[in-house]
Amino acid sequence: MELTALIAAVQGNTALAIGIIIGLGALGACIGIGIMGSKFLESAARQPELVPMLSGRMFLLAGLIDAAFIIGLAIALFFAFANPLIGTAVSAAAGA
């Protein structure tokens, strides 16, 4: 396989993987925050005296859910701008 075709294949597959990482991460974060928000409203309606404690925990968990998405985003950006797979493909093509 020609070197430019190999690099193009690696970049194309990496672009697909980046889209999947970001898309599924965003979908999971949105669903998680939506479920957590609905459960917070249910519990606040049942026991209004616990709202200050529950709101603090809800915002902590919202930050953790968003942090998981941002970590996935950082990994995707790493592969977008400093793809280590291209170097491996070039060295494998040079050795063949």
Protein backbone atom coordinates (compact mmCIF):
# COMPACT_ATOMS: atom_id res chain seq x y z
CA MET A 1 0.00 0.00 0.00
CA GLU A 2 1.27 3.43 -0.86
CA LEU A 3 2.33 5.62 2.04
CA THR A 4 -0.09 8.46 1.29
CA ALA A 5 -3.00 6.01 1.00
CA LEU A 6 -2.02 4.44 4.32
CA ILE A 7 -1.86 7.83 6.05
CA ALA A 8 -5.21 8.81 4.51
CA ALA A 9 -6.78 5.58 5.77
CA VAL A 10 -5.43 6.17 9.27
CA GLN A 11 -6.67 9.77 9.29
CA GLY A 12 -10.09 8.74 7.96
CA ASN A 13 -10.56 6.04 10.58
CA THR A 14 -9.31 8.41 13.26
CA ALA A 15 -11.88 11.02 12.19
CA LEU A 16 -14.66 8.44 12.50
CA ALA A 17 -13.41 7.41 15.94
CA ILE A 18 -13.26 11.04 17.07
CA GLY A 19 -16.85 11.57 15.98
CA ILE A 20 -17.97 8.47 17.86
CA ILE A 21 -16.06 9.45 21.02
CA ILE A 22 -17.49 12.97 21.10
CA GLY A 23 -20.99 11.98 20.02
CA LEU A 24 -21.46 9.15 22.49
CA GLY A 25 -19.82 11.15 25.27
CA ALA A 26 -22.15 14.08 24.72
CA LEU A 27 -25.16 11.79 24.48
CA GLY A 28 -24.25 10.02 27.70
CA ALA A 29 -23.64 13.27 29.55
CA CYS A 30 -26.96 14.72 28.38
CA ILE A 31 -28.90 11.63 29.36
CA GLY A 32 -27.11 11.42 32.72
CA ILE A 33 -27.76 15.04 33.61
CA GLY A 34 -31.38 14.75 32.46
CA ILE A 35 -32.05 11.70 34.63
CA MET A 36 -30.26 13.27 37.58
CA GLY A 37 -32.25 16.50 37.21
CA SER A 38 -35.55 14.65 37.08
CA LYS A 39 -34.68 12.63 40.17
CA PHE A 40 -33.65 15.83 41.96
CA LEU A 41 -37.00 17.43 41.18
CA GLU A 42 -38.85 14.32 42.35
CA SER A 43 -36.95 14.22 45.63
CA ALA A 44 -37.33 17.98 46.14
CA ALA A 45 -41.09 17.65 45.68
CA ARG A 46 -41.27 14.82 48.21
CA GLN A 47 -39.04 16.36 50.88
CA PRO A 48 -38.60 20.12 50.40
CA GLU A 49 -36.52 20.44 53.59
CA LEU A 50 -33.68 18.46 51.95
CA VAL A 51 -33.35 20.76 48.91
CA PRO A 52 -30.16 22.56 50.10
CA MET A 53 -28.32 19.28 50.69
CA LEU A 54 -29.62 17.69 47.50
CA SER A 55 -28.78 20.70 45.32
CA GLY A 56 -25.16 20.68 46.47
CA ARG A 57 -24.84 17.00 45.66
CA MET A 58 -26.61 17.47 42.34
CA PHE A 59 -24.16 20.17 41.23
CA LEU A 60 -21.23 18.02 42.34
CA LEU A 61 -22.48 15.11 40.27
CA ALA A 62 -23.20 17.39 37.31
CA GLY A 63 -19.57 18.51 37.42
CA LEU A 64 -18.37 14.90 37.52
CA ILE A 65 -20.57 13.94 34.59
CA ASP A 66 -19.28 16.89 32.58
CA ALA A 67 -15.72 16.07 33.59
CA ALA A 68 -16.07 12.59 32.12
CA PHE A 69 -17.24 14.11 28.83
CA ILE A 70 -14.41 16.65 28.82
CA ILE A 71 -11.85 13.88 29.38
CA GLY A 72 -13.25 12.07 26.33
CA LEU A 73 -13.10 15.33 24.40
CA ALA A 74 -9.45 15.81 25.38
CA ILE A 75 -8.59 12.29 24.20
CA ALA A 76 -10.39 12.94 20.91
CA LEU A 77 -8.51 16.22 20.41
CA PHE A 78 -5.24 14.43 21.16
CA PHE A 79 -5.92 12.00 18.35
CA ALA A 80 -7.03 14.84 16.07
CA PHE A 81 -3.90 16.97 16.45
CA ALA A 82 -1.12 14.64 17.63
CA ASN A 83 -2.07 11.29 16.20
CA PRO A 84 0.46 8.65 17.30
CA LEU A 85 -1.04 6.13 14.89
CA ILE A 86 0.35 7.96 11.85
CA GLY A 87 3.91 7.53 13.08
CA THR A 88 3.31 3.83 13.61
CA ALA A 89 1.83 3.50 10.12
CA VAL A 90 4.77 5.34 8.54
CA SER A 91 7.34 3.21 10.37
CA ALA A 92 5.48 0.02 9.41
CA ALA A 93 5.31 1.11 5.77
CA ALA A 94 9.02 1.99 5.77
CA GLY A 95 9.93 -1.39 7.19
CA ALA A 96 7.88 -3.31 4.61
